[in-house]
N, C-alpha and C. Protein backbone atom coordinates (compact mmCIF):
# COMPACT_ATOMS: atom_id res chain seq x y z
N MET A 1 63.61 114.81 93.23
CA MET A 1 64.06 113.54 93.29
C MET A 1 63.99 113.35 91.89
N ALA A 2 63.58 113.27 91.13
CA ALA A 2 63.82 113.10 89.69
C ALA A 2 64.61 113.93 88.91
N ILE A 3 64.58 115.16 89.35
CA ILE A 3 66.16 116.11 88.78
C ILE A 3 67.17 115.03 89.63
N SER A 4 67.61 114.63 90.46
CA SER A 4 68.68 113.91 90.93
C SER A 4 68.55 112.84 90.58
N TYR A 5 67.83 111.80 89.97
CA TYR A 5 68.13 110.30 89.42
C TYR A 5 68.35 110.56 88.28
N LEU A 6 67.74 111.87 87.25
CA LEU A 6 67.71 112.10 85.88
C LEU A 6 69.84 112.70 85.83
N PHE A 7 70.30 113.44 86.85
CA PHE A 7 71.66 113.57 86.95
C PHE A 7 72.38 112.51 86.64
N ASP A 8 71.88 111.23 87.94
CA ASP A 8 72.91 110.06 87.57
C ASP A 8 73.04 109.82 86.26
N SER A 9 72.08 109.60 85.88
CA SER A 9 72.15 108.61 85.11
C SER A 9 72.60 109.72 83.46
N HIS A 10 72.02 110.83 83.46
CA HIS A 10 72.89 111.77 82.39
C HIS A 10 73.64 113.06 82.40
N GLY A 11 73.72 113.13 83.74
CA GLY A 11 74.57 114.06 84.09
C GLY A 11 74.00 115.22 83.60
N GLU A 12 74.96 116.60 83.34
CA GLU A 12 74.60 117.85 82.83
C GLU A 12 74.33 117.45 81.70
N ARG A 13 73.28 116.26 80.99
CA ARG A 13 72.48 116.52 80.05
C ARG A 13 70.79 116.30 80.11
N LEU A 14 71.04 116.42 81.68
CA LEU A 14 69.61 115.70 82.32
C LEU A 14 68.79 117.16 81.63
N PHE A 15 69.07 118.20 81.26
CA PHE A 15 67.80 119.07 80.89
C PHE A 15 67.72 119.01 79.80
N ASP A 16 68.35 118.30 78.78
CA ASP A 16 68.10 118.14 77.00
C ASP A 16 66.90 117.75 76.61
N ARG A 17 66.39 117.05 77.66
CA ARG A 17 64.70 116.67 76.99
C ARG A 17 63.70 117.31 77.26
N SER A 18 62.61 117.37 77.21
CA SER A 18 61.51 118.04 77.73
C SER A 18 60.07 116.72 78.37
N LEU A 19 60.36 117.27 79.92
CA LEU A 19 59.68 116.14 80.61
C LEU A 19 59.08 117.34 81.54
N PRO A 20 57.52 117.01 81.59
CA PRO A 20 56.79 118.02 82.52
C PRO A 20 57.16 118.66 84.00
N VAL A 21 57.74 117.60 85.19
CA VAL A 21 58.65 117.96 85.83
C VAL A 21 60.10 119.19 85.59
N LEU A 22 60.73 118.89 84.52
CA LEU A 22 61.33 119.80 84.16
C LEU A 22 61.36 120.89 83.00
N ASP A 23 60.49 120.86 82.54
CA ASP A 23 60.02 121.80 81.46
C ASP A 23 59.33 122.69 82.54
N ALA A 24 58.59 122.96 84.17
CA ALA A 24 57.79 123.59 84.61
C ALA A 24 58.85 124.54 85.46
N LEU A 25 60.19 124.39 85.39
CA LEU A 25 61.65 125.19 86.03
C LEU A 25 61.78 125.83 85.39
N GLU A 26 62.01 127.26 85.41
CA GLU A 26 62.99 128.13 84.92
C GLU A 26 64.56 128.19 84.82
N ASP A 27 64.77 129.04 83.72
CA ASP A 27 66.11 128.48 83.26
C ASP A 27 67.37 128.89 84.71
N ARG A 28 66.92 129.78 85.51
CA ARG A 28 67.77 130.21 87.02
C ARG A 28 67.80 128.60 87.81
N GLU A 29 66.11 128.48 88.03
CA GLU A 29 65.97 126.81 88.50
C GLU A 29 66.91 125.93 88.32
N LYS A 30 67.11 125.95 86.62
CA LYS A 30 68.32 124.77 86.26
C LYS A 30 69.35 124.76 86.57
N ASN A 31 69.80 125.99 86.17
CA ASN A 31 70.87 126.31 86.68
C ASN A 31 71.61 126.02 88.30
N LEU A 32 70.71 126.70 89.01
CA LEU A 32 71.04 126.54 90.18
C LEU A 32 71.14 124.86 90.49
N PHE A 33 69.92 123.85 90.16
CA PHE A 33 69.86 122.30 90.29
C PHE A 33 71.26 121.81 90.44
N LEU A 34 71.49 122.19 88.76
CA LEU A 34 72.61 121.71 88.20
C LEU A 34 73.98 122.26 88.74
N SER A 35 74.10 123.36 89.57
CA SER A 35 75.38 123.97 90.04
C SER A 35 75.49 122.60 91.74
N MET A 36 74.10 122.90 92.67
CA MET A 36 74.04 121.92 93.40
C MET A 36 74.09 120.44 93.61
N LEU A 37 74.24 119.99 92.09
CA LEU A 37 74.74 118.31 91.86
C LEU A 37 75.38 118.18 91.60
N LYS A 38 76.57 119.21 91.05
CA LYS A 38 77.51 119.12 90.23
C LYS A 38 78.34 119.37 92.12
N ARG A 39 78.21 119.91 92.51
CA ARG A 39 79.21 120.29 93.86
C ARG A 39 78.78 119.25 94.90
N GLY A 40 77.79 119.03 94.58
CA GLY A 40 77.12 118.04 95.67
C GLY A 40 77.00 118.55 97.51
N ILE A 41 75.97 119.68 96.95
CA ILE A 41 75.59 120.94 98.30
C ILE A 41 74.21 120.45 98.22
N ASN A 42 74.10 120.32 99.34
CA ASN A 42 72.23 120.15 99.39
C ASN A 42 71.76 118.65 99.39
N THR A 43 72.77 118.05 98.48
CA THR A 43 72.25 116.82 98.21
C THR A 43 72.48 115.51 98.37
N PRO A 44 71.92 115.17 99.51
CA PRO A 44 72.69 113.89 100.11
C PRO A 44 71.99 112.66 99.59
N LEU A 45 72.54 111.63 99.76
CA LEU A 45 72.30 110.39 99.06
C LEU A 45 71.36 109.73 99.81
N SER A 46 70.45 109.06 98.98
CA SER A 46 69.20 108.66 99.77
C SER A 46 68.74 106.95 99.03
N SER A 47 68.46 106.22 99.97
CA SER A 47 68.46 104.87 99.61
C SER A 47 67.47 104.64 99.84
N SER A 48 65.85 105.49 99.99
CA SER A 48 64.42 105.33 100.48
C SER A 48 64.25 104.88 99.17
N CYS A 49 63.30 103.99 99.63
CA CYS A 49 62.03 103.11 98.34
C CYS A 49 61.15 104.62 98.16
N GLY A 50 60.73 105.29 99.18
CA GLY A 50 59.55 106.14 99.07
C GLY A 50 60.23 107.32 98.33
N ARG A 51 61.77 107.71 98.20
CA ARG A 51 62.16 108.86 97.48
C ARG A 51 62.01 108.30 95.63
N LEU A 52 62.26 107.03 95.55
CA LEU A 52 62.31 106.75 94.23
C LEU A 52 61.03 106.50 93.96
N PHE A 53 59.86 106.54 94.29
CA PHE A 53 59.05 106.47 94.22
C PHE A 53 57.77 108.05 94.00
N ASP A 54 58.74 108.77 94.99
CA ASP A 54 58.66 110.25 94.42
C ASP A 54 59.20 110.59 93.09
N ALA A 55 59.95 110.24 92.84
CA ALA A 55 61.17 110.78 91.63
C ALA A 55 60.12 110.16 90.41
N VAL A 56 59.94 108.40 90.17
CA VAL A 56 59.09 108.37 89.01
C VAL A 56 57.78 108.40 89.09
N ALA A 57 57.40 109.19 90.15
CA ALA A 57 55.82 109.69 89.85
C ALA A 57 55.79 111.14 88.87
N ALA A 58 56.99 111.75 89.62
CA ALA A 58 57.60 113.11 88.97
C ALA A 58 57.82 113.16 87.39
N LEU A 59 58.56 111.85 87.12
CA LEU A 59 59.05 111.41 85.89
C LEU A 59 57.85 111.03 84.65
N ILE A 60 56.70 110.67 85.53
CA ILE A 60 55.77 109.67 84.35
C ILE A 60 54.74 111.04 84.20
N GLY A 61 54.61 111.72 85.19
CA GLY A 61 54.28 112.90 84.84
C GLY A 61 52.62 113.39 86.08
N LEU A 62 53.32 112.13 86.97
CA LEU A 62 51.78 111.82 87.81
C LEU A 62 51.86 112.56 88.73
N ARG A 63 52.76 113.21 89.61
CA ARG A 63 52.95 114.73 90.23
C ARG A 63 54.20 114.64 90.49
N SER A 64 54.81 115.67 90.74
CA SER A 64 55.89 116.52 90.78
C SER A 64 56.34 116.92 92.13
N SER A 65 55.39 117.24 92.96
CA SER A 65 55.29 117.79 94.47
C SER A 65 54.40 116.85 95.30
N VAL A 66 54.97 116.61 95.90
CA VAL A 66 54.02 116.06 97.31
C VAL A 66 53.81 116.78 98.46
N SER A 67 52.49 116.69 99.25
CA SER A 67 52.27 117.00 100.19
C SER A 67 51.91 116.42 101.74
N TYR A 68 52.42 115.27 101.40
CA TYR A 68 52.29 114.45 102.34
C TYR A 68 53.08 113.20 102.41
N GLU A 69 53.78 112.40 103.09
CA GLU A 69 54.73 111.75 103.07
C GLU A 69 53.73 110.18 102.00
N GLY A 70 54.24 109.22 101.37
CA GLY A 70 53.56 108.20 100.88
C GLY A 70 52.78 109.13 99.45
N GLN A 71 52.47 110.17 99.60
CA GLN A 71 51.21 110.50 98.43
C GLN A 71 52.18 110.39 97.01
N ALA A 72 53.00 110.36 96.46
CA ALA A 72 53.15 109.78 95.05
C ALA A 72 53.10 108.06 95.27
N ALA A 73 53.33 107.93 96.20
CA ALA A 73 53.65 106.35 96.30
C ALA A 73 51.83 105.64 95.94
N MET A 74 51.08 106.64 96.80
CA MET A 74 49.38 105.91 96.78
C MET A 74 49.13 106.25 95.30
N GLU A 75 49.29 107.04 94.53
CA GLU A 75 49.25 107.53 93.60
C GLU A 75 49.52 106.54 92.54
N LEU A 76 50.59 106.20 92.65
CA LEU A 76 51.45 105.27 91.44
C LEU A 76 50.73 104.10 91.54
N GLU A 77 50.46 103.56 93.38
CA GLU A 77 49.87 102.33 92.90
C GLU A 77 48.40 102.48 92.57
N ALA A 78 47.65 103.54 92.99
CA ALA A 78 46.05 103.34 92.35
C ALA A 78 46.22 103.70 90.38
N ALA A 79 47.36 104.33 90.21
CA ALA A 79 47.67 103.94 88.83
C ALA A 79 47.83 102.47 88.08
N ALA A 80 48.58 102.30 88.89
CA ALA A 80 49.20 100.50 88.70
C ALA A 80 48.28 99.79 88.43
N GLU A 81 46.93 99.77 89.64
CA GLU A 81 45.81 98.76 89.57
C GLU A 81 44.70 99.10 88.30
N SER A 82 45.42 100.35 87.41
CA SER A 82 44.16 100.32 86.80
C SER A 82 44.50 99.58 85.24
N SER A 83 46.02 99.18 85.11
CA SER A 83 46.57 98.53 84.04
C SER A 83 46.78 97.04 84.54
N ASP A 84 46.78 96.23 83.29
CA ASP A 84 46.84 94.83 83.27
C ASP A 84 48.01 94.72 82.54
N ALA A 85 48.53 95.22 82.26
CA ALA A 85 50.00 95.69 81.02
C ALA A 85 51.09 94.53 82.18
N ALA A 86 51.10 93.83 81.72
CA ALA A 86 52.53 92.83 82.06
C ALA A 86 54.17 93.27 81.81
N GLY A 87 54.81 93.13 82.59
CA GLY A 87 55.96 93.33 82.23
C GLY A 87 56.93 94.31 82.80
N GLU A 88 57.77 93.92 83.29
CA GLU A 88 59.08 95.03 84.22
C GLU A 88 60.15 95.87 83.42
N TYR A 89 60.69 96.85 83.96
CA TYR A 89 61.88 97.58 83.27
C TYR A 89 63.39 96.72 83.75
N PRO A 90 64.11 96.70 82.82
CA PRO A 90 65.36 96.61 83.66
C PRO A 90 66.60 97.19 84.31
N PHE A 91 66.56 96.35 85.45
CA PHE A 91 67.68 96.92 86.66
C PHE A 91 68.57 96.25 86.73
N ALA A 92 69.78 96.51 87.48
CA ALA A 92 70.81 96.01 87.91
C ALA A 92 71.07 95.54 89.35
N LEU A 93 71.62 94.59 89.76
CA LEU A 93 72.41 94.14 90.99
C LEU A 93 74.12 94.23 90.78
N PHE A 94 74.54 94.73 91.75
CA PHE A 94 75.98 94.47 92.36
C PHE A 94 76.30 94.53 93.91
N SER A 95 76.90 93.90 93.89
CA SER A 95 77.77 93.92 95.79
C SER A 95 78.69 94.97 95.69
N GLU A 96 78.53 95.79 97.11
CA GLU A 96 79.30 96.65 97.21
C GLU A 96 79.78 96.23 98.87
N ALA A 97 80.76 96.25 99.23
CA ALA A 97 81.03 95.63 100.96
C ALA A 97 79.88 95.01 101.80
N ASP A 98 79.61 93.81 101.58
CA ASP A 98 79.03 92.97 102.18
C ASP A 98 77.53 93.75 101.82
N ARG A 99 76.93 94.16 101.03
CA ARG A 99 75.82 95.16 100.66
C ARG A 99 75.18 94.99 99.26
N ILE A 100 74.00 94.56 98.80
CA ILE A 100 73.89 94.07 97.65
C ILE A 100 72.68 95.18 97.19
N ILE A 101 73.19 95.98 96.50
CA ILE A 101 72.84 97.21 95.90
C ILE A 101 71.92 97.26 94.35
N ILE A 102 70.99 97.84 94.39
CA ILE A 102 70.05 97.74 92.64
C ILE A 102 70.13 99.55 92.31
N ASP A 103 71.01 98.69 91.28
CA ASP A 103 71.07 100.23 90.20
C ASP A 103 69.65 100.18 89.58
N PHE A 104 68.41 101.29 89.48
CA PHE A 104 67.54 101.56 89.29
C PHE A 104 67.67 102.70 87.62
N ARG A 105 69.39 102.73 87.33
CA ARG A 105 69.85 103.63 86.13
C ARG A 105 69.02 102.98 84.88
N LEU A 106 69.10 101.76 84.45
CA LEU A 106 68.50 101.05 83.58
C LEU A 106 66.64 101.40 83.28
N MET A 107 66.12 101.17 84.49
CA MET A 107 64.75 101.47 84.72
C MET A 107 64.43 102.92 84.28
N ILE A 108 65.33 103.81 84.97
CA ILE A 108 64.90 105.34 84.39
C ILE A 108 64.89 105.74 83.21
N ASP A 109 65.80 105.05 82.06
CA ASP A 109 66.33 105.07 80.69
C ASP A 109 65.03 104.99 80.24
N ALA A 110 64.71 103.35 80.74
CA ALA A 110 63.14 102.62 79.84
C ALA A 110 62.00 103.20 79.97
N ILE A 111 62.03 104.04 81.67
CA ILE A 111 61.01 105.31 81.44
C ILE A 111 60.95 106.29 80.37
N LEU A 112 62.38 106.80 80.34
CA LEU A 112 62.46 107.72 79.65
C LEU A 112 61.80 107.63 78.04
N ARG A 113 62.10 106.21 77.70
CA ARG A 113 62.02 105.97 76.52
C ARG A 113 60.36 105.52 76.68
N ASP A 114 59.45 104.88 77.01
CA ASP A 114 58.13 104.54 77.18
C ASP A 114 57.35 106.36 77.26
N LEU A 115 57.80 107.62 77.79
CA LEU A 115 57.79 108.44 77.82
C LEU A 115 57.89 109.21 76.38
N GLU A 116 58.80 108.47 75.57
CA GLU A 116 59.32 109.45 74.26
C GLU A 116 57.77 108.97 72.79
N THR A 117 57.69 107.36 73.51
CA THR A 117 56.36 106.54 72.65
C THR A 117 54.85 107.03 73.32
N ASP A 118 54.79 108.06 73.99
CA ASP A 118 53.51 108.18 74.53
C ASP A 118 52.66 107.14 75.26
N GLU A 119 53.75 106.36 75.99
CA GLU A 119 52.84 105.11 77.22
C GLU A 119 51.90 105.95 77.93
N SER A 120 51.71 105.02 78.26
CA SER A 120 50.16 106.08 79.22
C SER A 120 50.99 105.32 80.57
N VAL A 121 50.29 106.46 82.06
CA VAL A 121 50.63 106.60 82.87
C VAL A 121 50.46 105.41 84.06
N PRO A 122 49.24 104.44 83.52
CA PRO A 122 48.85 103.29 84.23
C PRO A 122 49.70 102.77 84.00
N VAL A 123 50.23 102.08 82.90
CA VAL A 123 51.37 101.42 82.63
C VAL A 123 52.25 101.36 83.03
N MET A 124 53.08 102.49 82.80
CA MET A 124 54.56 102.91 83.56
C MET A 124 54.51 102.67 84.62
N ALA A 125 53.49 103.04 85.45
CA ALA A 125 53.52 102.74 87.09
C ALA A 125 53.30 101.16 87.51
N ARG A 126 52.35 100.44 86.32
CA ARG A 126 52.51 99.27 86.83
C ARG A 126 54.06 98.43 86.13
N ARG A 127 54.53 98.90 85.50
CA ARG A 127 55.84 98.23 84.99
C ARG A 127 56.85 98.70 86.40
N PHE A 128 56.83 99.76 86.98
CA PHE A 128 57.03 100.22 88.01
C PHE A 128 57.32 99.38 89.04
N HIS A 129 55.95 99.08 89.14
CA HIS A 129 55.60 98.02 90.50
C HIS A 129 55.83 96.69 90.23
N GLU A 130 56.19 96.06 88.71
CA GLU A 130 56.45 95.25 88.28
C GLU A 130 58.27 94.92 88.98
N THR A 131 58.52 96.02 88.58
CA THR A 131 60.30 96.36 88.86
C THR A 131 60.66 95.76 89.97
N LEU A 132 60.22 96.67 90.73
CA LEU A 132 60.24 96.66 92.12
C LEU A 132 59.90 95.13 92.95
N ALA A 133 59.11 94.44 92.69
CA ALA A 133 58.80 93.38 92.89
C ALA A 133 59.65 91.94 91.88
N ALA A 134 60.29 92.66 91.33
CA ALA A 134 61.06 91.93 90.62
C ALA A 134 62.86 91.71 91.20
N ALA A 135 63.06 93.54 91.39
CA ALA A 135 64.36 93.54 92.28
C ALA A 135 64.02 92.93 93.86
N ALA A 136 63.27 93.07 94.29
CA ALA A 136 62.89 92.68 95.44
C ALA A 136 63.47 91.01 95.72
N LEU A 137 63.00 90.06 94.78
CA LEU A 137 62.86 88.87 94.68
C LEU A 137 64.72 88.54 93.86
N GLU A 138 64.98 89.22 93.02
CA GLU A 138 66.43 88.84 93.00
C GLU A 138 67.21 89.41 94.23
N VAL A 139 66.72 90.16 95.06
CA VAL A 139 67.77 90.70 96.51
C VAL A 139 67.59 89.51 97.40
N VAL A 140 66.02 88.89 97.35
CA VAL A 140 66.34 87.99 98.41
C VAL A 140 66.88 86.45 97.89
N ARG A 141 66.76 86.45 96.44
CA ARG A 141 67.59 85.04 96.17
C ARG A 141 68.82 85.58 96.30
N ALA A 142 69.58 86.13 95.85
CA ALA A 142 71.24 86.62 96.14
C ALA A 142 71.74 86.65 98.14
N ILE A 143 70.74 87.17 98.49
CA ILE A 143 70.75 86.85 100.18
C ILE A 143 70.83 85.62 100.62
N GLY A 144 69.46 84.31 99.75
CA GLY A 144 69.73 83.05 100.14
C GLY A 144 70.41 82.32 99.62
N ARG A 145 71.15 82.43 98.31
CA ARG A 145 72.50 81.87 97.89
C ARG A 145 73.61 81.74 98.76
N GLU A 146 73.43 83.23 99.03
CA GLU A 146 75.02 83.82 99.86
C GLU A 146 74.84 83.08 101.18
N SER A 147 73.79 82.71 101.89
CA SER A 147 73.54 82.66 103.53
C SER A 147 72.99 81.72 103.68
N GLY A 148 72.20 80.95 102.74
CA GLY A 148 71.47 80.11 103.23
C GLY A 148 69.87 80.01 103.55
N VAL A 149 69.67 81.11 103.68
CA VAL A 149 68.17 81.46 104.51
C VAL A 149 67.33 81.23 103.74
N ARG A 150 66.27 80.87 104.26
CA ARG A 150 65.28 80.11 103.23
C ARG A 150 63.93 80.84 103.29
N LYS A 151 63.83 81.83 104.99
CA LYS A 151 62.95 82.13 104.91
C LYS A 151 62.93 83.85 104.99
N VAL A 152 61.97 84.22 104.43
CA VAL A 152 62.25 86.18 104.42
C VAL A 152 60.67 87.18 104.64
N VAL A 153 61.11 87.98 105.40
CA VAL A 153 59.57 88.76 105.85
C VAL A 153 59.54 90.00 104.68
N LEU A 154 58.74 90.56 104.23
CA LEU A 154 58.42 91.44 103.19
C LEU A 154 57.44 92.64 104.12
N SER A 155 57.92 93.85 104.41
CA SER A 155 56.82 95.05 105.20
C SER A 155 56.18 95.83 104.07
N ARG A 156 54.66 95.45 103.80
CA ARG A 156 54.12 96.13 103.11
C ARG A 156 53.91 97.20 102.82
N ARG A 157 54.86 98.30 103.59
CA ARG A 157 54.88 99.66 103.41
C ARG A 157 55.97 99.86 102.85
N CYS A 158 56.80 99.06 102.46
CA CYS A 158 58.05 99.58 101.45
C CYS A 158 58.15 98.49 100.19
N PHE A 159 57.17 97.50 100.33
CA PHE A 159 57.14 96.61 99.43
C PHE A 159 55.70 96.18 98.29
N PRO A 160 56.13 96.19 97.30
CA PRO A 160 54.75 96.29 97.07
C PRO A 160 54.15 94.87 96.87
N GLU A 161 52.73 94.57 96.74
CA GLU A 161 52.06 93.38 96.98
C GLU A 161 52.83 91.97 96.14
N GLN A 162 53.09 93.27 95.06
CA GLN A 162 53.17 91.73 93.71
C GLN A 162 55.00 91.11 94.64
N ALA A 163 55.91 92.27 95.37
CA ALA A 163 56.48 91.26 95.45
C ALA A 163 56.18 90.22 96.19
N ALA A 164 55.53 90.53 97.00
CA ALA A 164 55.12 89.35 97.99
C ALA A 164 54.73 88.12 97.22
N ASP A 165 53.74 87.97 96.65
CA ASP A 165 53.18 87.40 95.63
C ASP A 165 54.15 86.84 94.71
N ARG A 166 55.39 87.59 94.60
CA ARG A 166 56.34 86.45 93.66
C ARG A 166 57.20 85.59 94.24
N ILE A 167 57.57 85.97 95.56
CA ILE A 167 58.48 85.52 96.41
C ILE A 167 57.62 84.11 97.08
N GLY A 168 56.33 84.15 97.43
CA GLY A 168 55.38 83.29 98.31
C GLY A 168 55.84 83.02 99.77
N PRO A 169 54.92 81.90 99.97
CA PRO A 169 55.14 82.01 101.26
C PRO A 169 56.73 81.18 101.88
C-alpha cells in the first residue's frame, strides 16, 4: 500500500528516495511493482481506511507487512498514544459525483518531509491520527452544510477517538 500511495503522489519517481519499505526491495521487485502500477495490473483501487493505516505504518518504518487485519492500525495507535505532539498533516477535500473525497497526497508528502528531518515515529503516528480526525470533521461539516443533518455516528473501528472528541455530541 505504501508503494501504491507513493506512486499516486510521485509517479515513476517513487523509488527515487530512500525509505526502509523501499530499500528492502530488490531492483527486479521494484521494476515489477512499477510495471504493475503503470499498467493497472492487479492494482484495484481501495478507499479502505485500513489500507491507509497499512501504508502510513510502512512509510514511517513501523511495519511494512502485517500478519492480521488491523495490526498496523493498532501499532500506529500505540505509537500515537506515546506522543503529546500536537498538529496534523495537510489534506484536501473535493466533491465528485455526489461524494466527498479525501485526498491524502498532501499528507503523504508531509510525512516524507518529516522522515527527511528524522521526526520520531510516535510524533508522525500522532499527526496521522490527528489528520484523520480533522478529515472526518471536515467531511461531517461538509455533509451537514449540504444536507442540514446535524447528528452523526462514528464507528470506533474506523474512526480514531480524536475524531469523536472533536465532533462531539
